């Protein structure tokens, strides 16, 4: 079984983005990062996928919208992140 696709939308200089990517790296998760610092079509895509999201990072694991860095960290504390990353 393959791991679900992980997407993370970030902006340059965002400490929360760095923290989220560090946790994903520690978990050995492969992810695709979309830098939306300058806006553009990927920012529009993020807003389409997460209409109420106003901040970065925005993290998606498979079809699940995780939310931001704090949400990702909460999943880890609750012991739920590994299962989500394994699919």
PDB file of N, CA and C in Angstrom:
ATOM      1  N   UNK A   1       0.846  -1.176   0.000  1.00  0.00           N
ATOM      2  CA  UNK A   1       0.000   0.000   0.000  1.00  0.00           C
ATOM      3  C   UNK A   1       0.889   1.236   0.000  1.00  0.00           C
ATOM      4  N   UNK A   2       0.599   2.164  -0.847  1.00  0.00           N
ATOM      5  CA  UNK A   2       1.428   3.358  -0.940  1.00  0.00           C
ATOM      6  C   UNK A   2       0.974   4.409   0.061  1.00  0.00           C
ATOM      7  N   UNK A   3       1.921   5.253   0.451  1.00  0.00           N
ATOM      8  CA  UNK A   3       1.611   6.325   1.378  1.00  0.00           C
ATOM      9  C   UNK A   3       0.780   7.382   0.671  1.00  0.00           C
ATOM     10  N   UNK A   4      -0.098   8.024   1.416  1.00  0.00           N
ATOM     11  CA  UNK A   4      -0.910   9.077   0.803  1.00  0.00           C
ATOM     12  C   UNK A   4      -0.039  10.272   0.428  1.00  0.00           C
ATOM     13  N   UNK A   5      -0.497  11.012  -0.551  1.00  0.00           N
ATOM     14  CA  UNK A   5       0.194  12.223  -0.987  1.00  0.00           C
ATOM     15  C   UNK A   5       0.069  13.281   0.103  1.00  0.00           C
ATOM     16  N   UNK A   6       1.177  13.960   0.382  1.00  0.00           N
ATOM     17  CA  UNK A   6       1.180  15.032   1.373  1.00  0.00           C
ATOM     18  C   UNK A   6       1.531  16.332   0.662  1.00  0.00           C
ATOM     19  N   UNK A   7       0.649  17.323   0.792  1.00  0.00           N
ATOM     20  CA  UNK A   7       0.868  18.656   0.224  1.00  0.00           C
ATOM     21  C   UNK A   7       0.922  19.657   1.359  1.00  0.00           C
ATOM     22  N   UNK A   8       1.848  20.607   1.248  1.00  0.00           N
ATOM     23  CA  UNK A   8       1.940  21.670   2.242  1.00  0.00           C
ATOM     24  C   UNK A   8       2.121  22.998   1.519  1.00  0.00           C
ATOM     25  N   UNK A   9       1.257  23.936   1.829  1.00  0.00           N
ATOM     26  CA  UNK A   9       1.311  25.278   1.251  1.00  0.00           C
ATOM     27  C   UNK A   9       2.019  26.177   2.259  1.00  0.00           C
ATOM     28  N   UNK A  10       3.056  26.881   1.806  1.00  0.00           N
ATOM     29  CA  UNK A  10       3.894  27.667   2.699  1.00  0.00           C
ATOM     30  C   UNK A  10       4.147  29.062   2.149  1.00  0.00           C
ATOM     31  N   UNK A  11       4.747  29.895   3.001  1.00  0.00           N
ATOM     32  CA  UNK A  11       5.238  31.209   2.584  1.00  0.00           C
ATOM     33  C   UNK A  11       6.657  31.372   3.112  1.00  0.00           C
ATOM     34  N   UNK A  12       7.449  32.154   2.382  1.00  0.00           N
ATOM     35  CA  UNK A  12       8.830  32.409   2.756  1.00  0.00           C
ATOM     36  C   UNK A  12       8.887  33.064   4.138  1.00  0.00           C
ATOM     37  N   UNK A  13       9.801  32.573   4.978  1.00  0.00           N
ATOM     38  CA  UNK A  13      10.020  33.164   6.287  1.00  0.00           C
ATOM     39  C   UNK A  13       8.994  32.808   7.339  1.00  0.00           C
ATOM     40  N   UNK A  14       8.125  31.872   7.060  1.00  0.00           N
ATOM     41  CA  UNK A  14       7.071  31.483   7.996  1.00  0.00           C
ATOM     42  C   UNK A  14       7.605  30.445   8.996  1.00  0.00           C
ATOM     43  N   UNK A  15       7.724  30.815  10.282  1.00  0.00           N
ATOM     44  CA  UNK A  15       8.261  29.863  11.261  1.00  0.00           C
ATOM     45  C   UNK A  15       7.346  28.657  11.483  1.00  0.00           C
ATOM     46  N   UNK A  16       6.048  28.839  11.334  1.00  0.00           N
ATOM     47  CA  UNK A  16       5.115  27.718  11.493  1.00  0.00           C
ATOM     48  C   UNK A  16       5.281  26.714  10.351  1.00  0.00           C
ATOM     49  N   UNK A  17       5.591  27.230   9.175  1.00  0.00           N
ATOM     50  CA  UNK A  17       5.845  26.356   8.022  1.00  0.00           C
ATOM     51  C   UNK A  17       7.095  25.524   8.272  1.00  0.00           C
ATOM     52  N   UNK A  18       8.130  26.172   8.792  1.00  0.00           N
ATOM     53  CA  UNK A  18       9.384  25.473   9.101  1.00  0.00           C
ATOM     54  C   UNK A  18       9.124  24.374  10.128  1.00  0.00           C
ATOM     55  N   UNK A  19       8.349  24.698  11.152  1.00  0.00           N
ATOM     56  CA  UNK A  19       8.051  23.718  12.202  1.00  0.00           C
ATOM     57  C   UNK A  19       7.277  22.527  11.643  1.00  0.00           C
ATOM     58  N   UNK A  20       6.289  22.786  10.787  1.00  0.00           N
ATOM     59  CA  UNK A  20       5.507  21.694  10.209  1.00  0.00           C
ATOM     60  C   UNK A  20       6.374  20.816   9.310  1.00  0.00           C
ATOM     61  N   UNK A  21       7.215  21.437   8.494  1.00  0.00           N
ATOM     62  CA  UNK A  21       8.084  20.659   7.600  1.00  0.00           C
ATOM     63  C   UNK A  21       9.086  19.841   8.413  1.00  0.00           C
ATOM     64  N   UNK A  22       9.574  20.395   9.519  1.00  0.00           N
ATOM     65  CA  UNK A  22      10.507  19.658  10.369  1.00  0.00           C
ATOM     66  C   UNK A  22       9.848  18.398  10.917  1.00  0.00           C
ATOM     67  N   UNK A  23       8.612  18.511  11.372  1.00  0.00           N
ATOM     68  CA  UNK A  23       7.908  17.340  11.896  1.00  0.00           C
ATOM     69  C   UNK A  23       7.684  16.308  10.791  1.00  0.00           C
ATOM     70  N   UNK A  24       7.278  16.755   9.614  1.00  0.00           N
ATOM     71  CA  UNK A  24       7.100  15.817   8.498  1.00  0.00           C
ATOM     72  C   UNK A  24       8.418  15.151   8.131  1.00  0.00           C
ATOM     73  N   UNK A  25       9.514  15.921   8.159  1.00  0.00           N
ATOM     74  CA  UNK A  25      10.833  15.349   7.876  1.00  0.00           C
ATOM     75  C   UNK A  25      11.205  14.299   8.921  1.00  0.00           C
ATOM     76  N   UNK A  26      10.937  14.594  10.192  1.00  0.00           N
ATOM     77  CA  UNK A  26      11.237  13.643  11.267  1.00  0.00           C
ATOM     78  C   UNK A  26      10.455  12.350  11.092  1.00  0.00           C
ATOM     79  N   UNK A  27       9.270  12.463  10.530  1.00  0.00           N
ATOM     80  CA  UNK A  27       8.433  11.286  10.288  1.00  0.00           C
ATOM     81  C   UNK A  27       8.822  10.551   9.010  1.00  0.00           C
ATOM     82  N   UNK A  28       9.746  11.126   8.251  1.00  0.00           N
ATOM     83  CA  UNK A  28      10.154  10.501   6.997  1.00  0.00           C
ATOM     84  C   UNK A  28       9.111  10.616   5.907  1.00  0.00           C
ATOM     85  N   UNK A  29       8.226  11.588   6.037  1.00  0.00           N
ATOM     86  CA  UNK A  29       7.139  11.755   5.061  1.00  0.00           C
ATOM     87  C   UNK A  29       7.647  12.505   3.836  1.00  0.00           C
ATOM     88  N   UNK A  30       7.308  11.986   2.682  1.00  0.00           N
ATOM     89  CA  UNK A  30       7.564  12.717   1.443  1.00  0.00           C
ATOM     90  C   UNK A  30       6.418  13.692   1.260  1.00  0.00           C
ATOM     91  N   UNK A  31       6.742  14.932   0.933  1.00  0.00           N
ATOM     92  CA  UNK A  31       5.691  15.921   0.734  1.00  0.00           C
ATOM     93  C   UNK A  31       6.060  16.844  -0.406  1.00  0.00           C
ATOM     94  N   UNK A  32       5.039  17.452  -0.955  1.00  0.00           N
ATOM     95  CA  UNK A  32       5.210  18.448  -1.998  1.00  0.00           C
ATOM     96  C   UNK A  32       4.900  19.802  -1.375  1.00  0.00           C
ATOM     97  N   UNK A  33       5.855  20.706  -1.489  1.00  0.00           N
ATOM     98  CA  UNK A  33       5.693  22.041  -0.925  1.00  0.00           C
ATOM     99  C   UNK A  33       5.332  23.025  -2.025  1.00  0.00           C
ATOM    100  N   UNK A  34       4.323  23.828  -1.756  1.00  0.00           N
ATOM    101  CA  UNK A  34       3.909  24.877  -2.675  1.00  0.00           C
ATOM    102  C   UNK A  34       4.105  26.214  -1.980  1.00  0.00           C
ATOM    103  N   UNK A  35       5.060  27.007  -2.476  1.00  0.00           N
ATOM    104  CA  UNK A  35       5.335  28.320  -1.908  1.00  0.00           C
ATOM    105  C   UNK A  35       4.358  29.322  -2.518  1.00  0.00           C
ATOM    106  N   UNK A  36       3.496  29.875  -1.671  1.00  0.00           N
ATOM    107  CA  UNK A  36       2.481  30.807  -2.159  1.00  0.00           C
ATOM    108  C   UNK A  36       2.783  32.241  -1.708  1.00  0.00           C
ATOM    109  N   UNK A  37       4.055  32.520  -1.421  1.00  0.00           N
ATOM    110  CA  UNK A  37       4.455  33.849  -0.965  1.00  0.00           C
ATOM    111  C   UNK A  37       3.960  34.939  -1.902  1.00  0.00           C
ATOM    112  N   UNK A  38       4.083  34.708  -3.181  1.00  0.00           N
ATOM    113  CA  UNK A  38       3.708  35.713  -4.176  1.00  0.00           C
ATOM    114  C   UNK A  38       2.295  35.496  -4.719  1.00  0.00           C
ATOM    115  N   UNK A  39       1.525  34.653  -4.051  1.00  0.00           N
ATOM    116  CA  UNK A  39       0.158  34.399  -4.514  1.00  0.00           C
ATOM    117  C   UNK A  39       0.144  33.459  -5.694  1.00  0.00           C
ATOM    118  N   UNK A  40      -0.678  33.743  -6.659  1.00  0.00           N
ATOM    119  CA  UNK A  40      -0.731  32.957  -7.881  1.00  0.00           C
ATOM    120  C   UNK A  40      -1.688  31.791  -7.809  1.00  0.00           C
ATOM    121  N   UNK A  41      -1.591  30.921  -8.815  1.00  0.00           N
ATOM    122  CA  UNK A  41      -2.567  29.838  -8.936  1.00  0.00           C
ATOM    123  C   UNK A  41      -2.522  28.835  -7.780  1.00  0.00           C
ATOM    124  N   UNK A  42      -1.365  28.620  -7.177  1.00  0.00           N
ATOM    125  CA  UNK A  42      -1.306  27.674  -6.059  1.00  0.00           C
ATOM    126  C   UNK A  42      -2.003  28.235  -4.823  1.00  0.00           C
ATOM    127  N   UNK A  43      -1.964  29.556  -4.628  1.00  0.00           N
ATOM    128  CA  UNK A  43      -2.708  30.148  -3.518  1.00  0.00           C
ATOM    129  C   UNK A  43      -4.200  29.968  -3.764  1.00  0.00           C
ATOM    130  N   UNK A  44      -4.617  30.181  -4.998  1.00  0.00           N
ATOM    131  CA  UNK A  44      -6.020  29.960  -5.346  1.00  0.00           C
ATOM    132  C   UNK A  44      -6.413  28.507  -5.117  1.00  0.00           C
ATOM    133  N   UNK A  45      -5.515  27.597  -5.485  1.00  0.00           N
ATOM    134  CA  UNK A  45      -5.766  26.173  -5.276  1.00  0.00           C
ATOM    135  C   UNK A  45      -5.925  25.869  -3.788  1.00  0.00           C
ATOM    136  N   UNK A  46      -5.042  26.440  -2.949  1.00  0.00           N
ATOM    137  CA  UNK A  46      -5.123  26.218  -1.509  1.00  0.00           C
ATOM    138  C   UNK A  46      -6.468  26.698  -0.982  1.00  0.00           C
ATOM    139  N   UNK A  47      -6.886  27.883  -1.421  1.00  0.00           N
ATOM    140  CA  UNK A  47      -8.161  28.438  -0.951  1.00  0.00           C
ATOM    141  C   UNK A  47      -9.351  27.617  -1.431  1.00  0.00           C
ATOM    142  N   UNK A  48      -9.204  26.998  -2.582  1.00  0.00           N
ATOM    143  CA  UNK A  48     -10.262  26.134  -3.082  1.00  0.00           C
ATOM    144  C   UNK A  48     -10.346  24.858  -2.252  1.00  0.00           C
ATOM    145  N   UNK A  49      -9.183  24.322  -1.894  1.00  0.00           N
ATOM    146  CA  UNK A  49      -9.132  23.089  -1.104  1.00  0.00           C
ATOM    147  C   UNK A  49      -9.511  23.326   0.357  1.00  0.00           C
ATOM    148  N   UNK A  50      -9.199  24.511   0.864  1.00  0.00           N
ATOM    149  CA  UNK A  50      -9.486  24.859   2.262  1.00  0.00           C
ATOM    150  C   UNK A  50     -10.078  26.259   2.294  1.00  0.00           C
ATOM    151  N   UNK A  51     -11.357  26.387   1.977  1.00  0.00           N
ATOM    152  CA  UNK A  51     -11.978  27.707   1.810  1.00  0.00           C
ATOM    153  C   UNK A  51     -11.861  28.639   3.009  1.00  0.00           C
ATOM    154  N   UNK A  52     -11.803  28.109   4.209  1.00  0.00           N
ATOM    155  CA  UNK A  52     -11.742  28.957   5.401  1.00  0.00           C
ATOM    156  C   UNK A  52     -10.323  29.214   5.880  1.00  0.00           C
ATOM    157  N   UNK A  53      -9.334  28.696   5.176  1.00  0.00           N
ATOM    158  CA  UNK A  53      -7.943  28.850   5.586  1.00  0.00           C
ATOM    159  C   UNK A  53      -7.429  30.243   5.222  1.00  0.00           C
ATOM    160  N   UNK A  54      -6.946  30.940   6.224  1.00  0.00           N
ATOM    161  CA  UNK A  54      -6.422  32.281   6.003  1.00  0.00           C
ATOM    162  C   UNK A  54      -4.921  32.369   6.283  1.00  0.00           C
ATOM    163  N   UNK A  55      -4.340  31.301   6.810  1.00  0.00           N
ATOM    164  CA  UNK A  55      -2.933  31.316   7.196  1.00  0.00           C
ATOM    165  C   UNK A  55      -2.195  30.136   6.572  1.00  0.00           C
ATOM    166  N   UNK A  56      -0.889  30.182   6.650  1.00  0.00           N
ATOM    167  CA  UNK A  56      -0.051  29.057   6.253  1.00  0.00           C
ATOM    168  C   UNK A  56       0.721  28.597   7.484  1.00  0.00           C
ATOM    169  N   UNK A  57       1.151  27.353   7.481  1.00  0.00           N
ATOM    170  CA  UNK A  57       0.969  26.377   6.411  1.00  0.00           C
ATOM    171  C   UNK A  57      -0.451  25.816   6.399  1.00  0.00           C
ATOM    172  N   UNK A  58      -0.815  25.277   5.265  1.00  0.00           N
ATOM    173  CA  UNK A  58      -2.016  24.452   5.152  1.00  0.00           C
ATOM    174  C   UNK A  58      -1.537  23.096   4.662  1.00  0.00           C
ATOM    175  N   UNK A  59      -1.893  22.061   5.399  1.00  0.00           N
ATOM    176  CA  UNK A  59      -1.357  20.723   5.170  1.00  0.00           C
ATOM    177  C   UNK A  59      -2.492  19.778   4.808  1.00  0.00           C
ATOM    178  N   UNK A  60      -2.248  18.985   3.778  1.00  0.00           N
ATOM    179  CA  UNK A  60      -3.191  17.972   3.327  1.00  0.00           C
ATOM    180  C   UNK A  60      -2.472  16.637   3.282  1.00  0.00           C
ATOM    181  N   UNK A  61      -3.061  15.636   3.890  1.00  0.00           N
ATOM    182  CA  UNK A  61      -2.531  14.275   3.826  1.00  0.00           C
ATOM    183  C   UNK A  61      -3.601  13.427   3.170  1.00  0.00           C
ATOM    184  N   UNK A  62      -3.301  12.984   1.950  1.00  0.00           N
ATOM    185  CA  UNK A  62      -4.323  12.303   1.164  1.00  0.00           C
ATOM    186  C   UNK A  62      -5.469  13.270   0.932  1.00  0.00           C
ATOM    187  N   UNK A  63      -6.671  12.848   1.219  1.00  0.00           N
ATOM    188  CA  UNK A  63      -7.859  13.692   1.052  1.00  0.00           C
ATOM    189  C   UNK A  63      -8.189  14.474   2.330  1.00  0.00           C
ATOM    190  N   UNK A  64      -7.384  14.281   3.370  1.00  0.00           N
ATOM    191  CA  UNK A  64      -7.648  14.917   4.659  1.00  0.00           C
ATOM    192  C   UNK A  64      -6.977  16.276   4.761  1.00  0.00           C
ATOM    193  N   UNK A  65      -7.765  17.300   5.055  1.00  0.00           N
ATOM    194  CA  UNK A  65      -7.206  18.623   5.328  1.00  0.00           C
ATOM    195  C   UNK A  65      -6.838  18.645   6.800  1.00  0.00           C
ATOM    196  N   UNK A  66      -5.544  18.586   7.086  1.00  0.00           N
ATOM    197  CA  UNK A  66      -5.062  18.564   8.458  1.00  0.00           C
ATOM    198  C   UNK A  66      -5.228  19.937   9.100  1.00  0.00           C
ATOM    199  N   UNK A  67      -4.916  20.971   8.342  1.00  0.00           N
ATOM    200  CA  UNK A  67      -4.932  22.332   8.873  1.00  0.00           C
ATOM    201  C   UNK A  67      -3.528  22.879   8.912  1.00  0.00           C
ATOM    202  N   UNK A  68      -3.184  23.556   9.998  1.00  0.00           N
ATOM    203  CA  UNK A  68      -1.886  24.200  10.104  1.00  0.00           C
ATOM    204  C   UNK A  68      -0.900  23.434  10.957  1.00  0.00           C
ATOM    205  N   UNK A  69       0.170  24.127  11.329  1.00  0.00           N
ATOM    206  CA  UNK A  69       1.254  23.533  12.103  1.00  0.00           C
ATOM    207  C   UNK A  69       0.774  23.019  13.458  1.00  0.00           C
ATOM    208  N   UNK A  70      -0.044  23.817  14.152  1.00  0.00           N
ATOM    209  CA  UNK A  70      -0.549  23.394  15.459  1.00  0.00           C
ATOM    210  C   UNK A  70      -1.418  22.155  15.334  1.00  0.00           C
ATOM    211  N   UNK A  71      -2.202  22.077  14.267  1.00  0.00           N
ATOM    212  CA  UNK A  71      -3.057  20.913  14.041  1.00  0.00           C
ATOM    213  C   UNK A  71      -2.220  19.663  13.783  1.00  0.00           C
ATOM    214  N   UNK A  72      -1.143  19.825  13.013  1.00  0.00           N
ATOM    215  CA  UNK A  72      -0.244  18.706  12.732  1.00  0.00           C
ATOM    216  C   UNK A  72       0.419  18.231  14.021  1.00  0.00           C
ATOM    217  N   UNK A  73       0.879  19.171  14.838  1.00  0.00           N
ATOM    218  CA  UNK A  73       1.510  18.827  16.107  1.00  0.00           C
ATOM    219  C   UNK A  73       0.522  18.136  17.046  1.00  0.00           C
ATOM    220  N   UNK A  74      -0.732  18.572  17.018  1.00  0.00           N
ATOM    221  CA  UNK A  74      -1.750  17.946  17.863  1.00  0.00           C
ATOM    222  C   UNK A  74      -1.974  16.490  17.453  1.00  0.00           C
ATOM    223  N   UNK A  75      -2.004  16.237  16.152  1.00  0.00           N
ATOM    224  CA  UNK A  75      -2.140  14.851  15.683  1.00  0.00           C
ATOM    225  C   UNK A  75      -0.984  13.989  16.187  1.00  0.00           C
ATOM    226  N   UNK A  76       0.203  14.547  16.185  1.00  0.00           N
ATOM    227  CA  UNK A  76       1.375  13.814  16.674  1.00  0.00           C
ATOM    228  C   UNK A  76       1.231  13.528  18.174  1.00  0.00           C
ATOM    229  N   UNK A  77       0.850  14.533  18.954  1.00  0.00           N
ATOM    230  CA  UNK A  77       0.675  14.345  20.406  1.00  0.00           C
ATOM    231  C   UNK A  77      -0.392  13.295  20.710  1.00  0.00           C
ATOM    232  N   UNK A  78      -1.432  13.266  19.888  1.00  0.00           N
ATOM    233  CA  UNK A  78      -2.534  12.317  20.099  1.00  0.00           C
ATOM    234  C   UNK A  78      -2.210  10.923  19.559  1.00  0.00           C
ATOM    235  N   UNK A  79      -1.059  10.772  18.935  1.00  0.00           N
ATOM    236  CA  UNK A  79      -0.671   9.481  18.386  1.00  0.00           C
ATOM    237  C   UNK A  79      -1.397   9.108  17.110  1.00  0.00           C
ATOM    238  N   UNK A  80      -1.941  10.090  16.403  1.00  0.00           N
ATOM    239  CA  UNK A  80      -2.731   9.823  15.196  1.00  0.00           C
ATOM    240  C   UNK A  80      -2.001  10.122  13.893  1.00  0.00           C
ATOM    241  N   UNK A  81      -0.865  10.813  13.973  1.00  0.00           N
ATOM    242  CA  UNK A  81      -0.184  11.257  12.748  1.00  0.00           C
ATOM    243  C   UNK A  81       0.390  10.080  11.964  1.00  0.00           C
ATOM    244  N   UNK A  82       1.018   9.141  12.644  1.00  0.00           N
ATOM    245  CA  UNK A  82       1.631   8.009  11.938  1.00  0.00           C
ATOM    246  C   UNK A  82       0.608   7.253  11.108  1.00  0.00           C
ATOM    247  N   UNK A  83      -0.546   6.974  11.694  1.00  0.00           N
ATOM    248  CA  UNK A  83      -1.589   6.227  10.971  1.00  0.00           C
ATOM    249  C   UNK A  83      -2.059   7.005   9.752  1.00  0.00           C
ATOM    250  N   UNK A  84      -2.186   8.318   9.895  1.00  0.00           N
ATOM    251  CA  UNK A  84      -2.631   9.143   8.777  1.00  0.00           C
ATOM    252  C   UNK A  84      -1.592   9.134   7.657  1.00  0.00           C
ATOM    253  N   UNK A  85      -0.317   9.195   8.033  1.00  0.00           N
ATOM    254  CA  UNK A  85       0.749   9.185   7.036  1.00  0.00           C
ATOM    255  C   UNK A  85       0.903   7.830   6.355  1.00  0.00           C
ATOM    256  N   UNK A  86       0.524   6.771   7.060  1.00  0.00           N
ATOM    257  CA  UNK A  86       0.614   5.422   6.483  1.00  0.00           C
ATOM    258  C   UNK A  86      -0.564   5.124   5.572  1.00  0.00           C
ATOM    259  N   UNK A  87      -1.621   5.897   5.694  1.00  0.00           N
ATOM    260  CA  UNK A  87      -2.804   5.668   4.860  1.00  0.00           C
ATOM    261  C   UNK A  87      -3.641   4.615   5.455  1.00  0.00           C
TER     262      UNK A  87
END
